Protein backbone atom coordinates (compact mmCIF):
# COMPACT_ATOMS: atom_id res chain seq x y z
CA MET A 1 -14.63 5.47 -6.23
CA GLU A 2 -17.39 7.05 -4.45
CA ARG A 3 -17.56 9.66 -2.11
CA PRO A 4 -19.81 9.74 0.76
CA ASN A 5 -22.96 12.09 -0.11
CA GLY A 6 -21.02 13.29 -2.86
CA ARG A 7 -18.57 15.40 -1.06
CA LYS A 8 -14.89 15.20 -0.47
CA ILE A 9 -13.50 14.22 2.84
CA ILE A 10 -11.61 16.80 4.41
CA LEU A 11 -7.74 15.59 5.55
CA ARG A 12 -6.04 17.28 7.81
CA PHE A 13 -1.84 17.24 8.58
CA ASN A 14 0.83 17.65 11.19
CA ASN A 15 3.76 19.55 10.50
CA ALA A 16 5.22 16.56 9.60
CA LYS A 17 2.88 16.41 6.83
CA GLN A 18 1.42 12.85 8.18
CA ALA A 19 -2.75 12.77 7.66
CA ILE A 20 -4.07 12.75 11.11
CA GLY A 21 -7.73 12.60 12.58
CA ASN A 22 -10.39 10.27 11.95
CA GLU A 23 -9.92 10.81 8.60
CA ALA A 24 -6.76 9.44 8.30
CA ARG A 25 -7.67 6.52 8.88
CA LEU A 26 -10.61 6.44 5.99
CA LEU A 27 -7.44 7.66 3.86
CA SER A 28 -5.65 4.33 4.94
CA GLY A 29 -8.19 2.63 4.09
CA VAL A 30 -8.83 3.60 0.68
CA LEU A 31 -5.02 3.72 -0.19
CA GLY A 32 -5.14 0.04 0.44
CA LEU A 33 -8.06 -0.65 -1.68
CA LEU A 34 -5.94 1.30 -4.40
CA GLY A 35 -2.76 -0.05 -3.75
CA SER A 36 -4.07 -3.80 -3.74
CA TYR A 37 -6.06 -3.28 -7.27
CA PHE A 38 -4.46 -4.74 -9.89
CA GLY A 39 -6.61 -2.65 -12.41
CA LYS A 40 -5.04 0.28 -11.37
CA PHE A 41 -1.25 -0.92 -10.72
CA PRO A 42 -0.58 -4.34 -12.47
CA ILE A 43 0.76 -7.02 -10.94
CA CYS A 44 3.46 -7.40 -14.02
CA GLU A 45 5.71 -4.87 -13.26
CA GLU A 46 9.11 -5.39 -11.53
CA SER A 47 9.29 -2.67 -9.43
CA TRP A 48 7.03 1.03 -8.06
CA ARG A 49 9.26 3.04 -9.38
CA LYS A 50 8.53 1.83 -13.60
CA ILE A 51 4.47 1.82 -12.89
CA THR A 52 2.98 4.91 -14.75
CA THR A 53 -0.05 5.09 -13.48
CA LYS A 54 0.43 6.06 -9.86
CA ASP A 55 0.08 9.87 -10.64
CA LYS A 56 -3.32 9.00 -12.41
CA VAL A 57 -4.66 7.31 -9.72
CA TYR A 58 -3.55 10.21 -6.92
CA ASN A 59 -5.18 12.56 -8.89
CA GLU A 60 -8.67 10.58 -10.25
CA CYS A 61 -9.16 8.85 -7.10
CA VAL A 62 -6.92 9.92 -4.07
CA LYS A 63 -7.99 13.53 -4.88
CA GLN A 64 -11.50 12.99 -5.88
CA ILE A 65 -12.40 11.48 -2.42
CA PHE A 66 -10.30 13.78 -0.50
CA HIS A 67 -9.88 17.80 -0.12
CA PHE A 68 -6.61 18.74 1.22
CA ASP A 69 -3.88 21.49 0.28
CA GLU A 70 -0.91 20.29 -1.62
CA ASP A 71 2.35 21.16 0.22
CA SER A 72 4.88 22.79 -1.91
CA GLU A 73 7.61 20.26 -1.64
CA GLY A 74 5.51 17.34 -2.50
CA THR A 75 5.64 15.31 0.58
CA ILE A 76 2.06 14.82 1.67
CA LYS A 77 1.74 12.83 -2.36
CA LYS A 78 5.31 11.23 -1.58
CA ASN A 79 4.14 10.05 1.71
CA ILE A 80 0.22 8.83 -0.08
CA LEU A 81 2.28 6.85 -3.09
CA LYS A 82 4.44 5.64 -0.64
CA VAL A 83 1.50 3.87 1.57
CA MET A 84 0.33 2.63 -2.13
CA GLU A 85 3.43 1.19 -3.20
CA LYS A 86 3.47 -0.54 0.20
CA PHE A 87 0.09 -2.31 -0.22
CA TRP A 88 0.98 -3.00 -3.67
CA LYS A 89 4.07 -4.87 -2.58
CA GLU A 90 2.30 -6.47 0.44
CA THR A 91 -0.62 -7.62 -1.70
CA ARG A 92 1.90 -9.26 -4.65
CA LEU A 93 3.91 -11.34 -1.78
CA ARG A 94 0.23 -12.22 0.00
CA LEU A 95 -0.76 -13.47 -3.25
CA TYR A 96 2.41 -15.49 -4.40
CA ASN A 97 2.15 -17.43 -1.26
CA ASP A 98 -1.40 -17.96 -1.37
CA PHE A 99 -1.81 -19.01 -4.80
CA PHE A 100 1.73 -20.31 -6.05
CA GLU A 101 2.08 -23.92 -4.74
CA PRO A 102 5.99 -25.31 -5.57
CA THR A 103 5.18 -28.70 -6.16
CA PHE A 104 2.52 -27.64 -9.21
CA MET A 105 4.04 -27.27 -12.64
CA THR A 106 3.83 -24.24 -14.17
CA GLU A 107 0.78 -24.69 -15.82
CA GLN A 108 -1.02 -25.54 -13.01
CA ASN A 109 0.47 -22.95 -11.32
CA ILE A 110 -1.10 -20.59 -14.12
CA GLU A 111 -4.89 -22.58 -13.53
CA HIS A 112 -4.01 -21.82 -9.80
CA ARG A 113 -3.96 -18.07 -9.95
CA PRO A 114 -5.80 -15.35 -8.03
CA PRO A 115 -9.26 -14.66 -9.41
CA GLY A 116 -9.52 -11.57 -11.63
CA ILE A 117 -6.00 -11.85 -12.43
CA ASP A 118 -4.95 -12.62 -16.25
CA ARG A 119 -3.44 -15.12 -17.00
CA GLU A 120 -0.89 -13.48 -18.72
CA TYR A 121 0.14 -11.09 -15.90
CA TRP A 122 0.05 -13.94 -13.68
CA ARG A 123 2.42 -16.07 -15.98
CA TRP A 124 4.75 -12.92 -16.24
CA PHE A 125 4.84 -12.86 -12.44
CA LEU A 126 5.66 -16.19 -11.70
CA ASP A 127 8.41 -15.88 -14.38
CA TYR A 128 9.49 -12.82 -12.54
CA ARG A 129 9.79 -14.56 -9.20
CA ALA A 130 11.59 -17.42 -10.46
CA LYS A 131 14.47 -15.14 -11.50
CA ALA A 132 17.83 -16.07 -9.83
CA GLU A 133 18.39 -12.56 -8.62
CA MET A 134 14.67 -12.45 -7.50
CA LYS A 135 15.35 -15.55 -5.39
CA GLU A 136 18.54 -14.33 -3.97
CA LYS A 137 16.99 -11.16 -3.18
CA CYS A 138 13.77 -13.06 -1.06
CA ARG A 139 16.30 -15.24 0.49
CA LYS A 140 18.45 -12.20 2.08
CA ASN A 141 15.09 -10.24 2.90
CA ALA A 142 14.17 -13.43 5.43
CA LYS A 143 17.51 -13.50 6.36
CA ASN A 144 16.68 -9.84 7.64
CA ARG A 145 13.85 -10.05 8.68
CA SER A 146 14.89 -13.04 10.93
CA LYS A 147 17.48 -10.74 12.90
CA GLN A 148 14.78 -8.40 13.59
CA LEU A 149 14.29 -8.60 18.06
CA TYR A 150 10.81 -6.57 18.16
CA THR A 151 7.96 -7.12 16.16
CA HIS A 152 5.43 -4.14 15.56
CA THR A 153 2.45 -4.33 18.15
CA GLY A 154 0.93 -0.67 17.82
CA GLY A 155 -2.23 -2.17 15.55
CA LEU A 156 -3.50 -0.14 12.85
CA LYS A 157 -3.68 3.36 14.36
CA SER A 158 -0.15 5.66 12.76
CA PHE A 159 2.43 7.42 14.96
CA ALA A 160 0.85 10.24 14.01
CA ARG A 161 -2.80 10.16 15.16
CA ARG A 162 -1.55 8.39 18.66
CA MET A 163 0.76 11.59 19.01
CA GLU A 164 -2.31 13.49 17.98
CA GLU A 165 -4.57 11.91 20.52
CA GLU A 166 -2.34 12.28 23.32
CA SER A 167 -1.69 16.05 22.41
CA GLU A 168 -5.35 16.18 22.75
CA GLN A 169 -5.66 14.43 25.67
CA HIS A 170 -2.99 16.16 27.39
CA GLY A 171 -4.69 20.25 26.40
CA GLU A 172 -7.72 18.43 27.71
CA LYS A 173 -6.11 17.46 31.33
CA SER A 174 -4.98 20.90 31.56
CA ARG A 175 -7.72 23.01 31.31
């Protein structure tokens, strides 16, 4: 990944170790790209915990683009990896919903795979999604989602960024 002008982007964090400022939006975009890139995080893993490339991607991509001081508890790194995990999971779900056709035979679905996904990886992923325990998990998740009373309407901006902007606005008003 290329840095703008060869320089690192300086990240600021609030007391909760959440990225703030306009740079936080850039971080979110980069993490979205990384989390959905199967060259970095393979599709053929059962869970995020089993992916072995997380630290490598964090050090070779995130730390090469952004400058920030690590916290002693590792909270910043955990938060960054959690965002990449979210994008990884969402992308797998989106690919399955967009490319899996229940009326197709297995070989037809493998041929109908997403561009850039190896046919054996896609076969593994389809076999994984076809397992009885995965189908039950999906059914339970759908049932739980149907119970939600409110949908998220906050847009792309994180709560941390919203709070920072509000405190800046209040600071300007009191001057």
